[in-house]
Amino acid sequence: MQQRILLIEDDESISEMVSSYLVKEGFEVKAVYDGEEAERVFRSGTYELVLLDLMLPKRSGTDILQTIRTGSLVPVLIMSAKDSDVDKALGLGFGADDYITKPFSMIELVARVKAAIRRAGYAAARNARIEAAAPARQMINLEGLIVDLDNFTILKNGTEVKLTAKEFHILKLLVQNPGRVFTKAQIYASVWEDEYYGEENVINVHMRRLREKIEDDPSQPVYIKTLWGIGYKLGAEVQ
């Protein structure tokens, strides 16, 4: 069965080029050209990956990404025309899995698409194994922060905190290994389940967004400590 990709790109020439190449690689591609159409089509179908341009008419790419993340963990690969950390951080902070900067080669795009789908498959299989093996609900209390490992929910002082899938798995990795220091390469390998090629910006963006959501003062973190030049560790004690 062909894997389905939703391509959201308002430039028809780029859309046609990407679609043709992906079809040759064995994918089924549904192309849409504006934000409103993208939301409607996504809600009415099932896809293994979304390719999303940030600059769209009618509704922005970030709006679409937020809509997708309200009810789906489908991999989202951002296509950005601007080579800036602002655009990259924005896309990743709202729950994108990866980004590629225009202009890009078709070979690189296909490689990233396949890697994102592969990681999502690994994660789904791993979570299914964990759910099948787990005899009881796992709740971890971190000095006011309650981490529900089974339901993928976070409560801070009784209020639910919304995390993206990647943010949750970073926190989960740390709380399940109190006292252990993880390098950025180890975090990337565990959470993204792929080889690490010095993707420091990806780790930095996710860690910053995670701290903004769970820390009282992200500049003085309590739950996630940085060991400069080494990596990160859990700062709070498990109660």
C-alpha atoms as a PDB file:
ATOM      1  CA  MET A   1       0.000   0.000   0.000  1.00  0.00           C
ATOM      2  CA  GLN A   2       1.338   3.424  -0.997  1.00  0.00           C
ATOM      3  CA  GLN A   3       2.228   5.877   1.742  1.00  0.00           C
ATOM      4  CA  ARG A   4       0.204   9.081   1.432  1.00  0.00           C
ATOM      5  CA  ILE A   5       1.710  12.555   1.644  1.00  0.00           C
ATOM      6  CA  LEU A   6      -0.189  15.838   1.928  1.00  0.00           C
ATOM      7  CA  LEU A   7       1.758  18.566   0.131  1.00  0.00           C
ATOM      8  CA  ILE A   8       0.760  22.118   1.126  1.00  0.00           C
ATOM      9  CA  GLU A   9       2.559  24.570  -1.176  1.00  0.00           C
ATOM     10  CA  ASP A  10       1.122  27.644  -2.921  1.00  0.00           C
ATOM     11  CA  ASP A  11       3.814  27.823  -5.626  1.00  0.00           C
ATOM     12  CA  GLU A  12       2.403  25.552  -8.310  1.00  0.00           C
ATOM     13  CA  SER A  13       5.748  25.025 -10.057  1.00  0.00           C
ATOM     14  CA  ILE A  14       7.388  23.839  -6.824  1.00  0.00           C
ATOM     15  CA  SER A  15       4.334  21.752  -5.978  1.00  0.00           C
ATOM     16  CA  GLU A  16       4.353  20.016  -9.362  1.00  0.00           C
ATOM     17  CA  MET A  17       8.087  19.351  -9.187  1.00  0.00           C
ATOM     18  CA  VAL A  18       7.917  17.908  -5.661  1.00  0.00           C
ATOM     19  CA  SER A  19       4.784  15.888  -6.421  1.00  0.00           C
ATOM     20  CA  SER A  20       6.265  14.338  -9.561  1.00  0.00           C
ATOM     21  CA  TYR A  21       9.454  13.328  -7.787  1.00  0.00           C
ATOM     22  CA  LEU A  22       7.647  11.838  -4.796  1.00  0.00           C
ATOM     23  CA  VAL A  23       5.291   9.877  -7.048  1.00  0.00           C
ATOM     24  CA  LYS A  24       8.316   8.434  -8.861  1.00  0.00           C
ATOM     25  CA  GLU A  25       9.629   7.384  -5.440  1.00  0.00           C
ATOM     26  CA  GLY A  26       6.449   5.398  -4.833  1.00  0.00           C
ATOM     27  CA  PHE A  27       4.419   7.839  -2.726  1.00  0.00           C
ATOM     28  CA  GLU A  28       0.831   8.936  -3.249  1.00  0.00           C
ATOM     29  CA  VAL A  29       0.661  12.743  -3.121  1.00  0.00           C
ATOM     30  CA  LYS A  30      -2.290  15.049  -2.499  1.00  0.00           C
ATOM     31  CA  ALA A  31      -1.348  18.645  -3.344  1.00  0.00           C
ATOM     32  CA  VAL A  32      -3.197  21.700  -2.029  1.00  0.00           C
ATOM     33  CA  TYR A  33      -2.382  25.373  -2.510  1.00  0.00           C
ATOM     34  CA  ASP A  34      -3.795  27.415   0.365  1.00  0.00           C
ATOM     35  CA  GLY A  35      -4.376  27.165   4.094  1.00  0.00           C
ATOM     36  CA  GLU A  36      -8.146  26.775   4.050  1.00  0.00           C
ATOM     37  CA  GLU A  37      -8.012  23.946   1.520  1.00  0.00           C
ATOM     38  CA  ALA A  38      -5.191  22.337   3.486  1.00  0.00           C
ATOM     39  CA  GLU A  39      -7.234  22.212   6.699  1.00  0.00           C
ATOM     40  CA  ARG A  40     -10.266  20.763   4.931  1.00  0.00           C
ATOM     41  CA  VAL A  41      -8.277  18.105   3.075  1.00  0.00           C
ATOM     42  CA  PHE A  42      -6.273  17.088   6.143  1.00  0.00           C
ATOM     43  CA  ARG A  43      -9.419  16.575   8.219  1.00  0.00           C
ATOM     44  CA  SER A  44     -11.000  14.395   5.532  1.00  0.00           C
ATOM     45  CA  GLY A  45      -8.061  12.041   4.916  1.00  0.00           C
ATOM     46  CA  THR A  46      -5.261  10.000   6.452  1.00  0.00           C
ATOM     47  CA  TYR A  47      -1.621  10.746   5.682  1.00  0.00           C
ATOM     48  CA  GLU A  48       1.770   9.358   6.648  1.00  0.00           C
ATOM     49  CA  LEU A  49       3.428  12.803   6.362  1.00  0.00           C
ATOM     50  CA  VAL A  50       2.636  16.464   5.720  1.00  0.00           C
ATOM     51  CA  LEU A  51       4.960  18.696   3.688  1.00  0.00           C
ATOM     52  CA  LEU A  52       4.111  22.251   4.736  1.00  0.00           C
ATOM     53  CA  ASP A  53       5.154  25.624   3.341  1.00  0.00           C
ATOM     54  CA  LEU A  54       5.051  28.367   5.996  1.00  0.00           C
ATOM     55  CA  MET A  55       3.965  31.159   3.630  1.00  0.00           C
ATOM     56  CA  LEU A  56       0.439  30.352   2.462  1.00  0.00           C
ATOM     57  CA  PRO A  57      -2.594  32.372   1.337  1.00  0.00           C
ATOM     58  CA  LYS A  58      -5.835  32.419   3.382  1.00  0.00           C
ATOM     59  CA  ARG A  59      -4.283  30.719   6.437  1.00  0.00           C
ATOM     60  CA  SER A  60      -0.619  30.641   7.418  1.00  0.00           C
ATOM     61  CA  GLY A  61       1.487  27.524   7.642  1.00  0.00           C
ATOM     62  CA  THR A  62       1.872  27.943  11.401  1.00  0.00           C
ATOM     63  CA  ASP A  63      -1.910  28.108  11.794  1.00  0.00           C
ATOM     64  CA  ILE A  64      -2.229  24.867   9.843  1.00  0.00           C
ATOM     65  CA  LEU A  65       0.493  23.254  11.939  1.00  0.00           C
ATOM     66  CA  GLN A  66      -1.300  24.188  15.154  1.00  0.00           C
ATOM     67  CA  THR A  67      -4.543  22.760  13.768  1.00  0.00           C
ATOM     68  CA  ILE A  68      -2.810  19.501  12.854  1.00  0.00           C
ATOM     69  CA  ARG A  69      -1.212  19.186  16.286  1.00  0.00           C
ATOM     70  CA  THR A  70      -4.525  19.565  18.123  1.00  0.00           C
ATOM     71  CA  GLY A  71      -5.377  15.984  17.212  1.00  0.00           C
ATOM     72  CA  SER A  72      -2.601  14.298  15.262  1.00  0.00           C
ATOM     73  CA  LEU A  73       1.044  13.251  15.647  1.00  0.00           C
ATOM     74  CA  VAL A  74       1.554  12.816  11.893  1.00  0.00           C
ATOM     75  CA  PRO A  75       5.119  13.843  10.906  1.00  0.00           C
ATOM     76  CA  VAL A  76       5.260  17.412   9.564  1.00  0.00           C
ATOM     77  CA  LEU A  77       8.214  18.575   7.483  1.00  0.00           C
ATOM     78  CA  ILE A  78       8.432  22.364   7.079  1.00  0.00           C
ATOM     79  CA  MET A  79       9.545  23.860   3.760  1.00  0.00           C
ATOM     80  CA  SER A  80      10.829  27.394   4.380  1.00  0.00           C
ATOM     81  CA  ALA A  81      11.971  29.987   1.848  1.00  0.00           C
ATOM     82  CA  LYS A  82      13.813  31.909   4.564  1.00  0.00           C
ATOM     83  CA  ASP A  83      17.085  30.543   5.878  1.00  0.00           C
ATOM     84  CA  SER A  84      16.778  31.960   9.385  1.00  0.00           C
ATOM     85  CA  ASP A  85      16.698  30.502  12.861  1.00  0.00           C
ATOM     86  CA  VAL A  86      13.488  32.430  13.492  1.00  0.00           C
ATOM     87  CA  ASP A  87      11.544  30.496  10.877  1.00  0.00           C
ATOM     88  CA  LYS A  88      13.103  27.211  11.918  1.00  0.00           C
ATOM     89  CA  ALA A  89      12.434  27.767  15.602  1.00  0.00           C
ATOM     90  CA  LEU A  90       8.879  28.853  14.868  1.00  0.00           C
ATOM     91  CA  GLY A  91       8.109  25.756  12.861  1.00  0.00           C
ATOM     92  CA  LEU A  92       9.719  23.347  15.303  1.00  0.00           C
ATOM     93  CA  GLY A  93       8.269  25.096  18.321  1.00  0.00           C
ATOM     94  CA  PHE A  94       4.724  24.507  17.098  1.00  0.00           C
ATOM     95  CA  GLY A  95       5.366  20.788  16.700  1.00  0.00           C
ATOM     96  CA  ALA A  96       7.071  20.248  13.342  1.00  0.00           C
ATOM     97  CA  ASP A  97       9.378  17.240  13.122  1.00  0.00           C
ATOM     98  CA  ASP A  98      11.924  18.621  10.678  1.00  0.00           C
ATOM     99  CA  TYR A  99      12.553  21.444   8.218  1.00  0.00           C
ATOM    100  CA  ILE A 100      14.223  21.945   4.871  1.00  0.00           C
ATOM    101  CA  THR A 101      15.239  25.302   3.421  1.00  0.00           C
ATOM    102  CA  LYS A 102      14.378  26.348  -0.135  1.00  0.00           C
ATOM    103  CA  PRO A 103      15.906  25.852  -2.601  1.00  0.00           C
ATOM    104  CA  PHE A 104      16.481  22.187  -1.822  1.00  0.00           C
ATOM    105  CA  SER A 105      17.505  19.139  -3.801  1.00  0.00           C
ATOM    106  CA  MET A 106      14.926  16.452  -4.462  1.00  0.00           C
ATOM    107  CA  ILE A 107      17.336  13.822  -3.184  1.00  0.00           C
ATOM    108  CA  GLU A 108      17.616  15.569   0.191  1.00  0.00           C
ATOM    109  CA  LEU A 109      13.857  16.119   0.383  1.00  0.00           C
ATOM    110  CA  VAL A 110      13.070  12.460  -0.263  1.00  0.00           C
ATOM    111  CA  ALA A 111      15.698  11.388   2.275  1.00  0.00           C
ATOM    112  CA  ARG A 112      14.115  13.612   4.945  1.00  0.00           C
ATOM    113  CA  VAL A 113      10.602  12.436   4.054  1.00  0.00           C
ATOM    114  CA  LYS A 114      11.580   8.776   4.345  1.00  0.00           C
ATOM    115  CA  ALA A 115      13.468   9.404   7.598  1.00  0.00           C
ATOM    116  CA  ALA A 116      10.501  11.206   9.176  1.00  0.00           C
ATOM    117  CA  ILE A 117       8.061   8.452   8.193  1.00  0.00           C
ATOM    118  CA  ARG A 118      10.487   5.797   9.414  1.00  0.00           C
ATOM    119  CA  ARG A 119      10.899   7.522  12.792  1.00  0.00           C
ATOM    120  CA  ALA A 120       7.126   7.840  13.181  1.00  0.00           C
ATOM    121  CA  GLY A 121       6.742   4.127  12.466  1.00  0.00           C
ATOM    122  CA  TYR A 122       9.405   3.216  15.006  1.00  0.00           C
ATOM    123  CA  ALA A 123       7.789   5.455  17.627  1.00  0.00           C
ATOM    124  CA  ALA A 124       4.326   3.981  17.032  1.00  0.00           C
ATOM    125  CA  ALA A 125       5.652   0.431  17.288  1.00  0.00           C
ATOM    126  CA  ARG A 126       7.640   1.267  20.423  1.00  0.00           C
ATOM    127  CA  ASN A 127       4.655   2.907  22.100  1.00  0.00           C
ATOM    128  CA  ALA A 128       2.486  -0.098  21.238  1.00  0.00           C
ATOM    129  CA  ARG A 129       5.023  -2.433  22.831  1.00  0.00           C
ATOM    130  CA  ILE A 130       5.271  -0.243  25.918  1.00  0.00           C
ATOM    131  CA  GLU A 131       1.487  -0.076  26.309  1.00  0.00           C
ATOM    132  CA  ALA A 132       1.176  -3.848  25.915  1.00  0.00           C
ATOM    133  CA  ALA A 133       3.905  -4.533  28.465  1.00  0.00           C
ATOM    134  CA  ALA A 134       3.045  -1.884  31.056  1.00  0.00           C
ATOM    135  CA  PRO A 135       1.028  -3.496  33.872  1.00  0.00           C
ATOM    136  CA  ALA A 136       0.127  -0.274  35.643  1.00  0.00           C
ATOM    137  CA  ARG A 137      -0.193   3.450  35.017  1.00  0.00           C
ATOM    138  CA  GLN A 138       3.096   5.280  35.492  1.00  0.00           C
ATOM    139  CA  MET A 139       2.811   8.611  37.294  1.00  0.00           C
ATOM    140  CA  ILE A 140       5.948  10.554  38.226  1.00  0.00           C
ATOM    141  CA  ASN A 141       5.876  13.480  40.656  1.00  0.00           C
ATOM    142  CA  LEU A 142       8.627  16.074  40.244  1.00  0.00           C
ATOM    143  CA  GLU A 143       8.103  18.632  42.982  1.00  0.00           C
ATOM    144  CA  GLY A 144       4.814  19.999  41.654  1.00  0.00           C
ATOM    145  CA  LEU A 145       5.113  18.631  38.114  1.00  0.00           C
ATOM    146  CA  ILE A 146       3.139  15.421  37.511  1.00  0.00           C
ATOM    147  CA  VAL A 147       4.216  13.416  34.463  1.00  0.00           C
ATOM    148  CA  ASP A 148       1.729  10.755  33.299  1.00  0.00           C
ATOM    149  CA  LEU A 149       3.849   8.472  31.113  1.00  0.00           C
ATOM    150  CA  ASP A 150       0.871   6.409  29.950  1.00  0.00           C
ATOM    151  CA  ASN A 151      -1.509   9.184  28.934  1.00  0.00           C
ATOM    152  CA  PHE A 152       1.223  11.566  27.712  1.00  0.00           C
ATOM    153  CA  THR A 153      -0.045  14.368  29.932  1.00  0.00           C
ATOM    154  CA  ILE A 154       1.663  16.890  32.212  1.00  0.00           C
ATOM    155  CA  LEU A 155       0.138  18.651  35.207  1.00  0.00           C
ATOM    156  CA  LYS A 156       1.884  21.623  36.783  1.00  0.00           C
ATOM    157  CA  ASN A 157       0.347  22.671  40.097  1.00  0.00           C
ATOM    158  CA  GLY A 158      -2.869  20.969  38.977  1.00  0.00           C
ATOM    159  CA  THR A 159      -3.040  22.638  35.540  1.00  0.00           C
ATOM    160  CA  GLU A 160      -2.461  20.660  32.355  1.00  0.00           C
ATOM    161  CA  VAL A 161       0.546  21.699  30.259  1.00  0.00           C
ATOM    162  CA  LYS A 162       0.362  21.072  26.514  1.00  0.00           C
ATOM    163  CA  LEU A 163       3.557  19.566  25.098  1.00  0.00           C
ATOM    164  CA  THR A 164       4.368  18.450  21.575  1.00  0.00           C
ATOM    165  CA  ALA A 165       5.275  14.794  21.073  1.00  0.00           C
ATOM    166  CA  LYS A 166       8.996  15.562  20.853  1.00  0.00           C
ATOM    167  CA  GLU A 167       8.914  17.782  23.943  1.00  0.00           C
ATOM    168  CA  PHE A 168       7.140  15.073  25.918  1.00  0.00           C
ATOM    169  CA  HIS A 169       9.603  12.368  24.881  1.00  0.00           C
ATOM    170  CA  ILE A 170      12.563  14.570  25.846  1.00  0.00           C
ATOM    171  CA  LEU A 171      11.036  15.075  29.302  1.00  0.00           C
ATOM    172  CA  LYS A 172      10.146  11.402  29.540  1.00  0.00           C
ATOM    173  CA  LEU A 173      13.728  10.402  28.744  1.00  0.00           C
ATOM    174  CA  LEU A 174      15.036  12.595  31.555  1.00  0.00           C
ATOM    175  CA  VAL A 175      12.470  11.650  34.218  1.00  0.00           C
ATOM    176  CA  GLN A 176      12.951   7.944  33.574  1.00  0.00           C
ATOM    177  CA  ASN A 177      16.697   8.356  34.086  1.00  0.00           C
ATOM    178  CA  PRO A 178      17.121  10.647  37.130  1.00  0.00           C
ATOM    179  CA  GLY A 179      20.718  11.600  37.777  1.00  0.00           C
ATOM    180  CA  ARG A 180      21.912  10.646  34.310  1.00  0.00           C
ATOM    181  CA  VAL A 181      23.385  13.289  32.006  1.00  0.00           C
ATOM    182  CA  PHE A 182      22.386  13.066  28.346  1.00  0.00           C
ATOM    183  CA  THR A 183      24.372  14.660  25.540  1.00  0.00           C
ATOM    184  CA  LYS A 184      22.529  16.301  22.659  1.00  0.00           C
ATOM    185  CA  ALA A 185      23.544  13.383  20.442  1.00  0.00           C
ATOM    186  CA  GLN A 186      22.050  10.896  22.924  1.00  0.00           C
ATOM    187  CA  ILE A 187      18.816  12.881  23.189  1.00  0.00           C
ATOM    188  CA  TYR A 188      18.512  13.089  19.409  1.00  0.00           C
ATOM    189  CA  ALA A 189      19.205   9.373  18.963  1.00  0.00           C
ATOM    190  CA  SER A 190      16.636   8.421  21.608  1.00  0.00           C
ATOM    191  CA  VAL A 191      13.841  10.861  20.755  1.00  0.00           C
ATOM    192  CA  TRP A 192      14.248  11.188  16.974  1.00  0.00           C
ATOM    193  CA  GLU A 193      15.523   7.622  16.579  1.00  0.00           C
ATOM    194  CA  ASP A 194      17.898   8.654  13.837  1.00  0.00           C
ATOM    195  CA  GLU A 195      21.589   9.377  13.375  1.00  0.00           C
ATOM    196  CA  TYR A 196      22.815  12.655  14.852  1.00  0.00           C
ATOM    197  CA  TYR A 197      24.556  15.004  12.423  1.00  0.00           C
ATOM    198  CA  GLY A 198      25.210  17.891  14.789  1.00  0.00           C
ATOM    199  CA  GLU A 199      21.549  19.015  14.774  1.00  0.00           C
ATOM    200  CA  GLU A 200      22.167  21.326  17.734  1.00  0.00           C
ATOM    201  CA  ASN A 201      19.563  23.871  16.649  1.00  0.00           C
ATOM    202  CA  VAL A 202      16.816  21.232  16.696  1.00  0.00           C
ATOM    203  CA  ILE A 203      17.701  20.185  20.267  1.00  0.00           C
ATOM    204  CA  ASN A 204      18.142  23.793  21.436  1.00  0.00           C
ATOM    205  CA  VAL A 205      14.756  24.882  20.081  1.00  0.00           C
ATOM    206  CA  HIS A 206      12.888  21.951  21.610  1.00  0.00           C
ATOM    207  CA  MET A 207      14.640  22.331  24.962  1.00  0.00           C
ATOM    208  CA  ARG A 208      13.915  26.070  25.068  1.00  0.00           C
ATOM    209  CA  ARG A 209      10.232  25.539  24.250  1.00  0.00           C
ATOM    210  CA  LEU A 210       9.958  22.740  26.815  1.00  0.00           C
ATOM    211  CA  ARG A 211      11.440  24.933  29.529  1.00  0.00           C
ATOM    212  CA  GLU A 212       9.128  27.816  28.624  1.00  0.00           C
ATOM    213  CA  LYS A 213       6.187  25.504  29.281  1.00  0.00           C
ATOM    214  CA  ILE A 214       7.239  23.738  32.496  1.00  0.00           C
ATOM    215  CA  GLU A 215       9.612  26.117  34.293  1.00  0.00           C
ATOM    216  CA  ASP A 216       8.540  29.104  36.410  1.00  0.00           C
ATOM    217  CA  ASP A 217      11.638  30.931  35.155  1.00  0.00           C
ATOM    218  CA  PRO A 218      13.152  29.333  32.013  1.00  0.00           C
ATOM    219  CA  SER A 219      16.379  31.314  32.543  1.00  0.00           C
ATOM    220  CA  GLN A 220      16.762  29.629  35.955  1.00  0.00           C
ATOM    221  CA  PRO A 221      15.475  26.103  35.256  1.00  0.00           C
ATOM    222  CA  VAL A 222      14.591  23.761  38.095  1.00  0.00           C
ATOM    223  CA  TYR A 223      13.346  20.668  36.276  1.00  0.00           C
ATOM    224  CA  ILE A 224      15.910  20.471  33.460  1.00  0.00           C
ATOM    225  CA  LYS A 225      19.491  21.408  34.238  1.00  0.00           C
ATOM    226  CA  THR A 226      22.185  22.241  31.671  1.00  0.00           C
ATOM    227  CA  LEU A 227      25.701  20.969  32.172  1.00  0.00           C
ATOM    228  CA  TRP A 228      27.601  23.299  29.881  1.00  0.00           C
ATOM    229  CA  GLY A 229      29.669  21.497  27.286  1.00  0.00           C
ATOM    230  CA  ILE A 230      28.131  18.151  28.252  1.00  0.00           C
ATOM    231  CA  GLY A 231      24.342  18.038  28.027  1.00  0.00           C
ATOM    232  CA  TYR A 232      21.195  17.943  30.141  1.00  0.00           C
ATOM    233  CA  LYS A 233      19.907  16.151  33.236  1.00  0.00           C
ATOM    234  CA  LEU A 234      16.825  16.048  35.427  1.00  0.00           C
ATOM    235  CA  GLY A 235      17.123  18.716  38.102  1.00  0.00           C
ATOM    236  CA  ALA A 236      14.128  18.002  40.331  1.00  0.00           C
ATOM    237  CA  GLU A 237      13.887  15.002  42.634  1.00  0.00           C
ATOM    238  CA  VAL A 238      11.395  12.251  41.875  1.00  0.00           C
ATOM    239  CA  GLN A 239       8.965  12.062  44.799  1.00  0.00           C
END
